[in-house]
Amino acid sequence: MIPSLQKAKQLWQEGIDFRLNQPYAWPTHKEYIFHTTGVAESAQKIAKKTPYLNPEKAYIIGLLHDYGKKYDEKLTGKFHGQTGYEELLKLGYDECARICLTHSFPNKNFNNKYYASYRPEWLSWAHQKLNEIEEYNDYDRLIQLCDMFFEGMSKVGFEERFAGIRKRYGLTKEQTAEQEEYAKKNKKYFDTLCGMDVYKILNI
């Protein structure tokens, strides 16, 4: 189940307002807005080019994929995928909750070594929950793909995105290799599904 478009926008805005009203700073809130709306719009555009994905649903789950970032991970002790999953599940929006989890893990059976910036307990939780999912669907894959097109305040290709990830978290190219590999596979999958290069659809 997913919220209506109006309700999704309300939840998105309430999450932003909540975080901005906390006593600690949120210096990346403009980047968050750019990223979440960008992922939503990109998912919608790609969905329109496919034979069966629903563009409005794609927009909604894209808009809420980082919902858990309404909280500071250091203070909660949970990563944003977990808090987003738990909150949206309580609201009855299980499909959006699922995306909060799956968008960070394009390989359902990921190797922990490729998530050096994550705490061991976060990865343990993610493994447990991902094991409950038989296989990814095309909405999982779509948001995983679109999440990779934004770095800072720019819409970018994979090379620039992963360079930014490595710089931000102090990772090596080897540590992002698995995610890069799955991003390329995902793009190839949607290129075929759409009948054209998704970079052209998104003007990248």
Protein backbone atom coordinates (compact mmCIF):
# COMPACT_ATOMS: atom_id res chain seq x y z
CA MET A 1 0.00 0.00 0.00
CA ILE A 2 1.14 3.54 -0.76
CA PRO A 3 -0.26 6.95 0.25
CA SER A 4 -2.06 9.20 -2.19
CA LEU A 5 0.08 11.76 -3.97
CA GLN A 6 -1.31 14.50 -1.73
CA LYS A 7 -0.59 12.48 1.43
CA ALA A 8 2.92 11.61 0.22
CA LYS A 9 3.73 15.28 -0.29
CA GLN A 10 2.32 16.03 3.16
CA LEU A 11 4.50 13.33 4.78
CA TRP A 12 7.54 14.57 2.85
CA GLN A 13 7.01 18.16 4.00
CA GLU A 14 6.28 17.12 7.60
CA GLY A 15 9.56 15.18 7.65
CA ILE A 16 11.48 18.24 6.49
CA ASP A 17 9.73 20.51 9.00
CA PHE A 18 10.39 18.05 11.82
CA ARG A 19 14.12 17.88 11.09
CA LEU A 20 14.47 21.64 10.67
CA ASN A 21 12.80 22.22 14.04
CA GLN A 22 15.32 20.09 15.94
CA PRO A 23 17.93 21.85 18.13
CA TYR A 24 20.79 20.44 16.04
CA ALA A 25 21.74 21.75 12.62
CA TRP A 26 20.69 20.17 9.32
CA PRO A 27 23.09 21.84 6.86
CA THR A 28 22.11 19.56 3.96
CA HIS A 29 18.35 20.18 3.95
CA LYS A 30 18.45 21.90 0.55
CA GLU A 31 20.37 18.95 -0.85
CA TYR A 32 17.78 16.59 0.67
CA ILE A 33 14.96 18.47 -1.05
CA PHE A 34 16.82 18.47 -4.37
CA HIS A 35 17.67 14.78 -4.06
CA THR A 36 14.25 13.46 -3.05
CA THR A 37 12.30 15.50 -5.58
CA GLY A 38 14.90 14.65 -8.22
CA VAL A 39 14.63 10.91 -7.56
CA ALA A 40 10.82 11.16 -7.62
CA GLU A 41 10.73 13.09 -10.91
CA SER A 42 13.33 10.82 -12.52
CA ALA A 43 11.46 7.68 -11.47
CA GLN A 44 8.24 9.13 -12.87
CA LYS A 45 9.86 9.98 -16.22
CA ILE A 46 11.39 6.53 -16.60
CA ALA A 47 8.16 4.80 -15.53
CA LYS A 48 6.29 6.66 -18.28
CA LYS A 49 8.60 5.06 -20.85
CA THR A 50 8.03 1.51 -19.58
CA PRO A 51 5.13 -0.69 -20.69
CA TYR A 52 3.67 -1.28 -17.22
CA LEU A 53 5.12 0.79 -14.35
CA ASN A 54 2.79 3.39 -12.81
CA PRO A 55 4.35 6.88 -13.06
CA GLU A 56 2.46 8.29 -10.06
CA LYS A 57 3.43 5.35 -7.86
CA ALA A 58 7.04 5.74 -9.02
CA TYR A 59 6.95 9.41 -8.02
CA ILE A 60 5.47 8.71 -4.59
CA ILE A 61 7.93 6.00 -3.59
CA GLY A 62 10.79 8.09 -4.96
CA LEU A 63 9.72 11.10 -2.91
CA LEU A 64 9.62 9.06 0.32
CA HIS A 65 12.62 6.77 -0.23
CA ASP A 66 14.77 8.80 2.22
CA TYR A 67 11.97 9.52 4.67
CA GLY A 68 14.09 8.22 7.55
CA LYS A 69 16.45 11.16 7.16
CA LYS A 70 13.99 13.20 9.20
CA TYR A 71 16.10 11.84 12.09
CA ASP A 72 19.81 12.17 12.79
CA GLU A 73 21.41 8.72 12.48
CA LYS A 74 23.97 9.43 15.18
CA LEU A 75 21.28 10.29 17.70
CA THR A 76 18.88 7.45 16.88
CA GLY A 77 21.57 4.80 16.46
CA LYS A 78 19.70 3.59 13.36
CA PHE A 79 20.41 4.31 9.72
CA HIS A 80 17.82 6.19 7.68
CA GLY A 81 16.66 3.08 5.85
CA GLN A 82 15.59 1.48 9.11
CA THR A 83 13.83 4.50 10.61
CA GLY A 84 12.04 5.19 7.33
CA TYR A 85 11.01 1.55 7.05
CA GLU A 86 9.69 1.38 10.61
CA GLU A 87 7.77 4.67 10.50
CA LEU A 88 6.10 4.12 7.13
CA LEU A 89 5.24 0.53 8.03
CA LYS A 90 3.43 1.79 11.16
CA LEU A 91 1.44 4.15 8.95
CA GLY A 92 0.39 1.23 6.77
CA TYR A 93 2.46 2.21 3.73
CA ASP A 94 4.31 -1.07 3.35
CA GLU A 95 5.44 -0.49 -0.24
CA CYS A 96 7.06 2.83 0.67
CA ALA A 97 8.60 1.25 3.78
CA ARG A 98 10.11 -1.45 1.58
CA ILE A 99 11.72 1.15 -0.69
CA CYS A 100 13.29 2.89 2.32
CA LEU A 101 15.13 -0.39 2.89
CA THR A 102 15.81 -1.69 -0.61
CA HIS A 103 17.07 1.51 -2.25
CA SER A 104 20.38 1.27 -0.37
CA PHE A 105 21.07 -2.36 -1.27
CA PRO A 106 20.95 -3.10 -5.02
CA ASN A 107 22.42 -6.53 -4.24
CA LYS A 108 19.93 -8.21 -1.88
CA ASN A 109 22.70 -10.54 -0.69
CA PHE A 110 25.28 -7.80 -0.30
CA ASN A 111 28.72 -8.29 1.16
CA ASN A 112 29.28 -6.18 4.29
CA LYS A 113 32.71 -5.10 3.08
CA TYR A 114 31.05 -2.87 0.49
CA TYR A 115 29.29 -0.90 3.23
CA ALA A 116 32.25 0.29 5.27
CA SER A 117 30.44 3.48 6.33
CA TYR A 118 27.58 1.48 7.91
CA ARG A 119 27.59 0.16 11.46
CA PRO A 120 27.60 -3.65 11.85
CA GLU A 121 24.22 -3.61 13.60
CA TRP A 122 22.69 -1.66 10.69
CA LEU A 123 23.91 -4.25 8.22
CA SER A 124 22.71 -7.11 10.42
CA TRP A 125 19.22 -5.58 10.51
CA ALA A 126 19.24 -5.01 6.75
CA HIS A 127 20.26 -8.61 6.03
CA GLN A 128 17.46 -9.87 8.26
CA LYS A 129 14.79 -7.75 6.58
CA LEU A 130 16.06 -8.33 3.03
CA ASN A 131 15.92 -12.08 3.64
CA GLU A 132 12.17 -11.66 4.08
CA ILE A 133 11.92 -10.36 0.51
CA GLU A 134 11.87 -13.16 -2.04
CA GLU A 135 13.15 -11.00 -4.89
CA TYR A 136 13.28 -7.36 -5.92
CA ASN A 137 10.55 -5.96 -8.14
CA ASP A 138 10.93 -3.25 -10.77
CA TYR A 139 9.97 -0.48 -8.35
CA ASP A 140 12.84 -1.53 -6.06
CA ARG A 141 15.18 -1.49 -9.05
CA LEU A 142 13.83 1.83 -10.34
CA ILE A 143 14.51 3.76 -7.12
CA GLN A 144 17.90 2.06 -6.72
CA LEU A 145 18.72 3.36 -10.19
CA CYS A 146 17.37 6.89 -9.75
CA ASP A 147 19.07 7.26 -6.36
CA MET A 148 22.40 7.06 -8.18
CA PHE A 149 21.75 10.07 -10.42
CA PHE A 150 22.16 12.76 -7.77
CA GLU A 151 25.30 14.07 -6.13
CA GLY A 152 25.11 17.22 -4.05
CA MET A 153 22.99 19.71 -5.95
CA SER A 154 23.61 18.14 -9.35
CA LYS A 155 22.07 15.44 -11.51
CA VAL A 156 24.98 13.30 -12.66
CA GLY A 157 26.08 10.06 -14.28
CA PHE A 158 27.41 7.10 -12.33
CA GLU A 159 31.09 8.05 -12.51
CA GLU A 160 30.57 11.39 -10.77
CA ARG A 161 28.11 9.93 -8.27
CA PHE A 162 30.46 7.21 -7.07
CA ALA A 163 33.41 9.60 -6.97
CA GLY A 164 31.32 11.73 -4.61
CA ILE A 165 30.42 8.73 -2.44
CA ARG A 166 34.08 7.71 -2.14
CA LYS A 167 35.14 11.24 -1.18
CA ARG A 168 32.31 11.71 1.31
CA TYR A 169 32.87 8.46 3.21
CA GLY A 170 36.60 8.00 2.64
CA LEU A 171 36.11 4.83 0.59
CA THR A 172 38.28 3.23 -2.05
CA LYS A 173 37.16 2.37 -5.57
CA GLU A 174 37.22 -1.31 -4.59
CA GLN A 175 34.78 -0.58 -1.74
CA THR A 176 32.21 0.87 -4.15
CA ALA A 177 32.78 -1.74 -6.87
CA GLU A 178 29.74 -3.87 -6.10
CA GLN A 179 27.33 -0.93 -6.04
CA GLU A 180 28.79 0.40 -9.30
CA GLU A 181 28.39 -2.99 -10.93
CA TYR A 182 24.74 -3.25 -9.90
CA ALA A 183 24.05 0.35 -10.94
CA LYS A 184 25.32 -0.42 -14.45
CA LYS A 185 23.23 -3.62 -14.59
CA ASN A 186 20.19 -1.69 -13.43
CA LYS A 187 20.68 0.98 -16.07
CA LYS A 188 21.06 -1.64 -18.80
CA TYR A 189 17.85 -3.31 -17.59
CA PHE A 190 15.86 -0.06 -17.79
CA ASP A 191 17.48 0.96 -21.08
CA THR A 192 16.03 -2.25 -22.51
CA LEU A 193 12.67 -1.87 -20.76
CA CYS A 194 12.27 1.71 -22.00
CA GLY A 195 13.67 1.04 -25.45
CA MET A 196 16.15 3.90 -25.07
CA ASP A 197 19.04 5.17 -22.96
CA VAL A 198 17.68 6.41 -19.62
CA TYR A 199 20.38 9.08 -19.65
CA LYS A 200 18.55 10.58 -22.63
CA ILE A 201 15.23 10.41 -20.80
CA LEU A 202 16.76 12.36 -17.90
CA ASN A 203 19.03 14.64 -19.97
CA ILE A 204 22.19 13.40 -18.27
